[in-house]
Amino acid sequence: MNTENKKFVFESITEKQAWKIMAICNQSQEFDTAKLYSMIHDLTGIPSVNSLSKQEASFIIDRLQGCTKWRRPKRSRTVDRIKGNARNLPALGHILFIRESVRALGWDKAHFKAWLEKYIKARNLNELTRETARKAYIGLMKIRINTMES
């Protein structure tokens, strides 16, 4: 089997999931947006609903609804497990490195968004393709190396 089909990919949150997260949060007595973004930051390193994968969004929805059955989101899928053409989805490893870099560099959401728009021409993680995620990975690797040398 082609090893390309076995790559884990990042499937972005759907509009329906994002809407549901915000609706639950707005109706909740227990969760306000600050608590929601703190929960998302703890999970992804970036306090943004648009930084979530489909699996992470499902996990957050369950948490917001009081379900604590799972300790972490379900595992990401491989290209061969997704219907349709998933070959252009970002590699999960690139997204994880991007998130970790944002955390390691101490960037807030606004700084990361501005960098992403300026250098990658994307507004958030869920707009990244395989190629633009690779480009962001390389750019952040260079920044991290330069900050270590300083």
N, C-alpha and C. Protein backbone atom coordinates (compact mmCIF):
# COMPACT_ATOMS: atom_id res chain seq x y z
N MET A 1 0.84 -1.19 0.00
CA MET A 1 0.00 0.00 0.00
C MET A 1 0.88 1.25 0.00
N ASN A 2 0.43 2.26 -0.66
CA ASN A 2 1.13 3.55 -0.74
C ASN A 2 1.27 4.16 0.65
N THR A 3 2.48 4.53 1.04
CA THR A 3 2.69 5.13 2.36
C THR A 3 2.02 6.49 2.48
N GLU A 4 1.79 7.15 1.35
CA GLU A 4 1.08 8.44 1.35
C GLU A 4 -0.31 8.28 1.97
N ASN A 5 -0.94 7.14 1.76
CA ASN A 5 -2.28 6.89 2.29
C ASN A 5 -2.29 6.67 3.80
N LYS A 6 -1.15 6.39 4.39
CA LYS A 6 -1.06 6.13 5.82
C LYS A 6 -0.69 7.37 6.64
N LYS A 7 -0.54 8.53 5.98
CA LYS A 7 -0.20 9.76 6.70
C LYS A 7 -1.40 10.25 7.49
N PHE A 8 -1.13 10.62 8.74
CA PHE A 8 -2.17 11.24 9.54
C PHE A 8 -2.32 12.68 9.08
N VAL A 9 -3.57 13.11 8.94
CA VAL A 9 -3.84 14.45 8.44
C VAL A 9 -4.68 15.23 9.44
N PHE A 10 -4.68 16.53 9.26
CA PHE A 10 -5.45 17.45 10.08
C PHE A 10 -6.73 17.78 9.34
N GLU A 11 -7.85 17.34 9.89
CA GLU A 11 -9.15 17.66 9.33
C GLU A 11 -9.71 18.83 10.14
N SER A 12 -9.89 19.95 9.52
CA SER A 12 -10.34 21.15 10.21
C SER A 12 -11.75 21.01 10.76
N ILE A 13 -12.00 21.75 11.81
CA ILE A 13 -13.33 21.85 12.38
C ILE A 13 -14.33 22.25 11.29
N THR A 14 -15.53 21.71 11.36
CA THR A 14 -16.56 22.09 10.39
C THR A 14 -17.30 23.33 10.90
N GLU A 15 -17.97 24.01 9.98
CA GLU A 15 -18.78 25.19 10.38
C GLU A 15 -19.85 24.78 11.37
N LYS A 16 -20.45 23.63 11.16
CA LYS A 16 -21.50 23.14 12.06
C LYS A 16 -20.94 22.91 13.48
N GLN A 17 -19.75 22.34 13.57
CA GLN A 17 -19.14 22.12 14.88
C GLN A 17 -18.82 23.45 15.56
N ALA A 18 -18.25 24.40 14.80
CA ALA A 18 -17.92 25.71 15.37
C ALA A 18 -19.18 26.40 15.88
N TRP A 19 -20.25 26.34 15.07
CA TRP A 19 -21.51 26.94 15.48
C TRP A 19 -22.03 26.29 16.76
N LYS A 20 -21.96 24.97 16.83
CA LYS A 20 -22.46 24.24 17.99
C LYS A 20 -21.67 24.60 19.25
N ILE A 21 -20.36 24.69 19.13
CA ILE A 21 -19.53 25.06 20.28
C ILE A 21 -19.94 26.43 20.81
N MET A 22 -20.08 27.39 19.91
CA MET A 22 -20.44 28.74 20.35
C MET A 22 -21.86 28.79 20.91
N ALA A 23 -22.78 28.04 20.31
CA ALA A 23 -24.16 28.00 20.80
C ALA A 23 -24.23 27.40 22.20
N ILE A 24 -23.54 26.30 22.42
CA ILE A 24 -23.53 25.66 23.74
C ILE A 24 -22.93 26.61 24.76
N CYS A 25 -21.83 27.22 24.40
CA CYS A 25 -21.15 28.15 25.31
C CYS A 25 -22.05 29.34 25.65
N ASN A 26 -22.73 29.89 24.66
CA ASN A 26 -23.61 31.04 24.89
C ASN A 26 -24.82 30.70 25.76
N GLN A 27 -25.27 29.45 25.71
CA GLN A 27 -26.43 29.03 26.49
C GLN A 27 -26.06 28.49 27.87
N SER A 28 -24.79 28.27 28.09
CA SER A 28 -24.32 27.62 29.31
C SER A 28 -24.19 28.61 30.47
N GLN A 29 -24.57 28.15 31.64
CA GLN A 29 -24.34 28.91 32.87
C GLN A 29 -22.90 28.69 33.36
N GLU A 30 -22.35 27.55 33.00
CA GLU A 30 -21.03 27.14 33.49
C GLU A 30 -19.87 27.65 32.64
N PHE A 31 -20.08 27.78 31.32
CA PHE A 31 -18.99 28.16 30.42
C PHE A 31 -19.24 29.52 29.78
N ASP A 32 -18.28 30.41 29.96
CA ASP A 32 -18.29 31.66 29.20
C ASP A 32 -17.19 31.55 28.15
N THR A 33 -17.08 32.56 27.30
CA THR A 33 -16.09 32.46 26.22
C THR A 33 -14.67 32.40 26.76
N ALA A 34 -14.39 33.09 27.86
CA ALA A 34 -13.04 33.04 28.43
C ALA A 34 -12.68 31.62 28.87
N LYS A 35 -13.62 30.94 29.48
CA LYS A 35 -13.38 29.56 29.93
C LYS A 35 -13.26 28.63 28.72
N LEU A 36 -14.08 28.88 27.70
CA LEU A 36 -14.00 28.08 26.47
C LEU A 36 -12.62 28.23 25.83
N TYR A 37 -12.17 29.48 25.66
CA TYR A 37 -10.88 29.70 25.01
C TYR A 37 -9.72 29.16 25.85
N SER A 38 -9.87 29.18 27.15
CA SER A 38 -8.85 28.58 28.02
C SER A 38 -8.79 27.07 27.79
N MET A 39 -9.97 26.45 27.66
CA MET A 39 -10.04 25.01 27.41
C MET A 39 -9.39 24.67 26.07
N ILE A 40 -9.69 25.48 25.06
CA ILE A 40 -9.12 25.25 23.73
C ILE A 40 -7.61 25.48 23.75
N HIS A 41 -7.16 26.52 24.45
CA HIS A 41 -5.72 26.79 24.57
C HIS A 41 -5.00 25.62 25.24
N ASP A 42 -5.59 25.08 26.30
CA ASP A 42 -4.98 23.94 26.98
C ASP A 42 -4.85 22.74 26.05
N LEU A 43 -5.79 22.59 25.13
CA LEU A 43 -5.79 21.45 24.21
C LEU A 43 -4.88 21.66 23.01
N THR A 44 -4.88 22.88 22.44
CA THR A 44 -4.17 23.10 21.17
C THR A 44 -3.00 24.07 21.26
N GLY A 45 -2.97 24.90 22.29
CA GLY A 45 -1.93 25.92 22.39
C GLY A 45 -2.33 27.25 21.77
N ILE A 46 -3.46 27.28 21.09
CA ILE A 46 -3.95 28.50 20.45
C ILE A 46 -5.42 28.67 20.86
N PRO A 47 -5.75 29.77 21.53
CA PRO A 47 -7.14 29.95 22.00
C PRO A 47 -8.09 30.38 20.89
N SER A 48 -8.33 29.50 19.96
CA SER A 48 -9.18 29.82 18.82
C SER A 48 -9.99 28.60 18.42
N VAL A 49 -11.29 28.78 18.25
CA VAL A 49 -12.14 27.69 17.79
C VAL A 49 -11.66 27.18 16.44
N ASN A 50 -11.18 28.09 15.59
CA ASN A 50 -10.72 27.70 14.26
C ASN A 50 -9.40 26.94 14.26
N SER A 51 -8.78 26.79 15.42
CA SER A 51 -7.54 26.00 15.49
C SER A 51 -7.83 24.52 15.75
N LEU A 52 -9.09 24.20 15.97
CA LEU A 52 -9.45 22.82 16.31
C LEU A 52 -9.58 21.92 15.08
N SER A 53 -9.28 20.66 15.30
CA SER A 53 -9.57 19.64 14.29
C SER A 53 -11.00 19.14 14.52
N LYS A 54 -11.50 18.35 13.61
CA LYS A 54 -12.83 17.76 13.79
C LYS A 54 -12.90 16.94 15.07
N GLN A 55 -11.86 16.16 15.31
CA GLN A 55 -11.84 15.30 16.48
C GLN A 55 -11.78 16.13 17.77
N GLU A 56 -10.98 17.17 17.77
CA GLU A 56 -10.88 18.04 18.95
C GLU A 56 -12.18 18.79 19.18
N ALA A 57 -12.83 19.21 18.10
CA ALA A 57 -14.11 19.90 18.23
C ALA A 57 -15.15 18.98 18.86
N SER A 58 -15.19 17.73 18.45
CA SER A 58 -16.12 16.76 19.05
C SER A 58 -15.83 16.59 20.53
N PHE A 59 -14.57 16.53 20.87
CA PHE A 59 -14.15 16.41 22.26
C PHE A 59 -14.60 17.62 23.08
N ILE A 60 -14.40 18.83 22.54
CA ILE A 60 -14.81 20.06 23.23
C ILE A 60 -16.33 20.10 23.37
N ILE A 61 -17.06 19.72 22.34
CA ILE A 61 -18.52 19.69 22.41
C ILE A 61 -18.97 18.75 23.52
N ASP A 62 -18.39 17.57 23.58
CA ASP A 62 -18.72 16.62 24.65
C ASP A 62 -18.44 17.24 26.02
N ARG A 63 -17.29 17.88 26.18
CA ARG A 63 -16.94 18.52 27.46
C ARG A 63 -17.94 19.60 27.84
N LEU A 64 -18.30 20.42 26.87
CA LEU A 64 -19.25 21.49 27.13
C LEU A 64 -20.62 20.95 27.53
N GLN A 65 -20.95 19.76 27.05
CA GLN A 65 -22.22 19.13 27.37
C GLN A 65 -22.14 18.26 28.62
N GLY A 66 -20.98 18.26 29.28
CA GLY A 66 -20.84 17.54 30.54
C GLY A 66 -20.30 16.13 30.44
N CYS A 67 -20.00 15.65 29.25
CA CYS A 67 -19.47 14.30 29.08
C CYS A 67 -17.97 14.30 29.36
N THR A 68 -17.55 13.50 30.32
CA THR A 68 -16.13 13.41 30.66
C THR A 68 -15.62 11.98 30.44
N LYS A 69 -16.31 11.24 29.58
CA LYS A 69 -15.95 9.85 29.31
C LYS A 69 -14.55 9.72 28.72
N TRP A 70 -14.18 10.67 27.83
CA TRP A 70 -12.89 10.59 27.14
C TRP A 70 -11.91 11.58 27.76
N ARG A 71 -10.68 11.16 27.91
CA ARG A 71 -9.64 12.02 28.49
C ARG A 71 -8.95 12.87 27.43
N ARG A 72 -9.08 12.47 26.17
CA ARG A 72 -8.45 13.20 25.07
C ARG A 72 -9.27 12.97 23.80
N PRO A 73 -9.06 13.82 22.80
CA PRO A 73 -9.80 13.65 21.54
C PRO A 73 -9.44 12.33 20.85
N LYS A 74 -10.35 11.89 19.99
CA LYS A 74 -10.06 10.70 19.18
C LYS A 74 -8.86 10.98 18.30
N ARG A 75 -8.22 9.92 17.89
CA ARG A 75 -7.04 10.00 17.04
C ARG A 75 -7.39 10.53 15.65
N SER A 76 -6.49 11.28 15.07
CA SER A 76 -6.68 11.78 13.71
C SER A 76 -6.72 10.61 12.73
N ARG A 77 -7.33 10.85 11.59
CA ARG A 77 -7.46 9.80 10.59
C ARG A 77 -6.34 9.90 9.56
N THR A 78 -6.14 8.80 8.86
CA THR A 78 -5.18 8.77 7.77
C THR A 78 -5.92 9.05 6.46
N VAL A 79 -5.17 9.41 5.44
CA VAL A 79 -5.75 9.76 4.14
C VAL A 79 -6.68 8.65 3.64
N ASP A 80 -6.29 7.39 3.81
CA ASP A 80 -7.10 6.29 3.28
C ASP A 80 -8.39 6.06 4.06
N ARG A 81 -8.58 6.71 5.19
CA ARG A 81 -9.79 6.56 6.00
C ARG A 81 -10.81 7.67 5.75
N ILE A 82 -10.47 8.59 4.86
CA ILE A 82 -11.33 9.74 4.59
C ILE A 82 -11.91 9.60 3.19
N LYS A 83 -13.22 9.77 3.09
CA LYS A 83 -13.87 9.70 1.78
C LYS A 83 -13.49 10.93 0.97
N GLY A 84 -13.36 10.75 -0.33
CA GLY A 84 -13.00 11.85 -1.20
C GLY A 84 -11.49 12.05 -1.25
N ASN A 85 -11.09 13.16 -1.81
CA ASN A 85 -9.67 13.43 -1.96
C ASN A 85 -9.14 14.18 -0.74
N ALA A 86 -8.38 13.48 0.08
CA ALA A 86 -7.83 14.07 1.29
C ALA A 86 -6.34 14.35 1.15
N ARG A 87 -5.80 14.18 -0.02
CA ARG A 87 -4.35 14.33 -0.23
C ARG A 87 -3.85 15.75 -0.03
N ASN A 88 -4.75 16.73 -0.08
CA ASN A 88 -4.32 18.12 0.10
C ASN A 88 -4.49 18.60 1.54
N LEU A 89 -5.02 17.74 2.41
CA LEU A 89 -5.15 18.12 3.82
C LEU A 89 -3.77 18.23 4.45
N PRO A 90 -3.59 19.17 5.38
CA PRO A 90 -2.27 19.32 6.01
C PRO A 90 -1.86 18.07 6.78
N ALA A 91 -0.58 17.80 6.80
CA ALA A 91 -0.06 16.70 7.60
C ALA A 91 -0.23 17.05 9.07
N LEU A 92 -0.67 16.11 9.87
CA LEU A 92 -0.89 16.35 11.28
C LEU A 92 0.40 16.81 11.97
N GLY A 93 1.52 16.23 11.59
CA GLY A 93 2.80 16.61 12.19
C GLY A 93 3.13 18.08 12.00
N HIS A 94 2.80 18.62 10.84
CA HIS A 94 3.04 20.04 10.59
C HIS A 94 2.17 20.90 11.49
N ILE A 95 0.90 20.54 11.63
CA ILE A 95 -0.01 21.32 12.47
C ILE A 95 0.43 21.26 13.92
N LEU A 96 0.82 20.10 14.39
CA LEU A 96 1.27 19.97 15.78
C LEU A 96 2.52 20.81 16.02
N PHE A 97 3.44 20.83 15.06
CA PHE A 97 4.64 21.65 15.19
C PHE A 97 4.29 23.14 15.19
N ILE A 98 3.37 23.54 14.33
CA ILE A 98 2.94 24.94 14.27
C ILE A 98 2.36 25.35 15.62
N ARG A 99 1.48 24.54 16.16
CA ARG A 99 0.88 24.84 17.47
C ARG A 99 1.94 24.95 18.56
N GLU A 100 2.83 23.97 18.59
CA GLU A 100 3.89 23.97 19.61
C GLU A 100 4.79 25.19 19.45
N SER A 101 5.06 25.59 18.23
CA SER A 101 5.90 26.76 17.98
C SER A 101 5.24 28.03 18.50
N VAL A 102 3.95 28.17 18.26
CA VAL A 102 3.22 29.34 18.76
C VAL A 102 3.34 29.40 20.27
N ARG A 103 3.18 28.26 20.92
CA ARG A 103 3.29 28.19 22.38
C ARG A 103 4.73 28.50 22.83
N ALA A 104 5.71 27.88 22.18
CA ALA A 104 7.12 28.06 22.57
C ALA A 104 7.59 29.50 22.36
N LEU A 105 7.09 30.14 21.32
CA LEU A 105 7.48 31.52 21.03
C LEU A 105 6.73 32.53 21.90
N GLY A 106 5.71 32.06 22.60
CA GLY A 106 4.94 32.94 23.48
C GLY A 106 4.00 33.87 22.73
N TRP A 107 3.65 33.49 21.50
CA TRP A 107 2.77 34.33 20.70
C TRP A 107 1.33 34.20 21.20
N ASP A 108 0.62 35.31 21.19
CA ASP A 108 -0.81 35.24 21.46
C ASP A 108 -1.55 35.01 20.15
N LYS A 109 -2.85 34.88 20.25
CA LYS A 109 -3.68 34.58 19.08
C LYS A 109 -3.52 35.66 18.00
N ALA A 110 -3.50 36.93 18.39
CA ALA A 110 -3.41 38.04 17.43
C ALA A 110 -2.06 38.02 16.70
N HIS A 111 -0.98 37.77 17.44
CA HIS A 111 0.35 37.73 16.82
C HIS A 111 0.43 36.59 15.81
N PHE A 112 -0.05 35.42 16.21
CA PHE A 112 -0.02 34.27 15.30
C PHE A 112 -0.87 34.54 14.06
N LYS A 113 -2.06 35.09 14.26
CA LYS A 113 -2.95 35.38 13.12
C LYS A 113 -2.28 36.37 12.17
N ALA A 114 -1.65 37.40 12.70
CA ALA A 114 -0.98 38.40 11.85
C ALA A 114 0.17 37.75 11.07
N TRP A 115 0.95 36.90 11.73
CA TRP A 115 2.06 36.20 11.06
C TRP A 115 1.52 35.30 9.96
N LEU A 116 0.48 34.55 10.27
CA LEU A 116 -0.10 33.62 9.31
C LEU A 116 -0.64 34.36 8.09
N GLU A 117 -1.31 35.48 8.32
CA GLU A 117 -1.85 36.26 7.20
C GLU A 117 -0.73 36.85 6.34
N LYS A 118 0.30 37.39 7.00
CA LYS A 118 1.37 38.05 6.26
C LYS A 118 2.24 37.08 5.46
N TYR A 119 2.65 36.00 6.08
CA TYR A 119 3.62 35.12 5.45
C TYR A 119 3.02 33.89 4.76
N ILE A 120 1.87 33.44 5.23
CA ILE A 120 1.29 32.22 4.66
C ILE A 120 0.03 32.53 3.85
N LYS A 121 -0.49 33.72 4.01
CA LYS A 121 -1.70 34.16 3.30
C LYS A 121 -2.93 33.33 3.69
N ALA A 122 -3.02 33.00 4.98
CA ALA A 122 -4.17 32.28 5.52
C ALA A 122 -4.63 33.00 6.79
N ARG A 123 -5.92 32.97 7.07
CA ARG A 123 -6.44 33.65 8.26
C ARG A 123 -6.36 32.79 9.51
N ASN A 124 -6.36 31.47 9.34
CA ASN A 124 -6.30 30.57 10.50
C ASN A 124 -5.87 29.18 10.05
N LEU A 125 -5.71 28.29 11.02
CA LEU A 125 -5.23 26.94 10.71
C LEU A 125 -6.15 26.17 9.77
N ASN A 126 -7.45 26.41 9.87
CA ASN A 126 -8.33 25.59 9.04
C ASN A 126 -8.33 25.99 7.57
N GLU A 127 -7.58 27.02 7.21
CA GLU A 127 -7.42 27.38 5.80
C GLU A 127 -6.16 26.78 5.18
N LEU A 128 -5.35 26.12 5.99
CA LEU A 128 -4.08 25.59 5.48
C LEU A 128 -4.29 24.35 4.62
N THR A 129 -3.50 24.26 3.57
CA THR A 129 -3.44 23.07 2.73
C THR A 129 -2.16 22.32 3.10
N ARG A 130 -1.93 21.22 2.46
CA ARG A 130 -0.69 20.47 2.73
C ARG A 130 0.53 21.36 2.46
N GLU A 131 0.50 22.10 1.35
CA GLU A 131 1.64 22.94 0.97
C GLU A 131 1.79 24.16 1.88
N THR A 132 0.71 24.84 2.21
CA THR A 132 0.84 26.03 3.06
C THR A 132 1.19 25.65 4.50
N ALA A 133 0.74 24.50 4.96
CA ALA A 133 1.13 24.03 6.30
C ALA A 133 2.63 23.72 6.32
N ARG A 134 3.13 23.13 5.24
CA ARG A 134 4.57 22.85 5.14
C ARG A 134 5.36 24.16 5.14
N LYS A 135 4.85 25.15 4.42
CA LYS A 135 5.50 26.45 4.37
C LYS A 135 5.52 27.11 5.78
N ALA A 136 4.42 27.02 6.50
CA ALA A 136 4.35 27.56 7.86
C ALA A 136 5.31 26.81 8.78
N TYR A 137 5.38 25.51 8.63
CA TYR A 137 6.29 24.67 9.41
C TYR A 137 7.74 25.13 9.22
N ILE A 138 8.13 25.31 7.97
CA ILE A 138 9.51 25.73 7.66
C ILE A 138 9.77 27.13 8.21
N GLY A 139 8.83 28.04 8.01
CA GLY A 139 9.00 29.40 8.50
C GLY A 139 9.13 29.46 10.01
N LEU A 140 8.31 28.72 10.72
CA LEU A 140 8.38 28.71 12.18
C LEU A 140 9.64 28.01 12.68
N MET A 141 10.09 27.00 11.94
CA MET A 141 11.33 26.33 12.32
C MET A 141 12.50 27.33 12.25
N LYS A 142 12.53 28.14 11.19
CA LYS A 142 13.58 29.14 11.05
C LYS A 142 13.51 30.18 12.17
N ILE A 143 12.32 30.61 12.51
CA ILE A 143 12.16 31.58 13.60
C ILE A 143 12.63 30.99 14.91
N ARG A 144 12.28 29.76 15.19
CA ARG A 144 12.68 29.13 16.44
C ARG A 144 14.19 28.96 16.51
N ILE A 145 14.81 28.60 15.39
CA ILE A 145 16.27 28.46 15.36
C ILE A 145 16.93 29.81 15.61
N ASN A 146 16.40 30.85 14.96
CA ASN A 146 16.96 32.19 15.15
C ASN A 146 16.80 32.70 16.56
N THR A 147 15.70 32.39 17.21
CA THR A 147 15.52 32.84 18.60
C THR A 147 16.41 32.06 19.56
N MET A 148 16.73 30.82 19.22
CA MET A 148 17.63 30.03 20.06
C MET A 148 19.06 30.57 19.94
N GLU A 149 19.42 31.06 18.75
CA GLU A 149 20.77 31.57 18.52
C GLU A 149 20.98 32.95 19.13
N SER A 150 19.89 33.67 19.35
CA SER A 150 19.99 35.04 19.89
C SER A 150 20.31 35.05 21.37
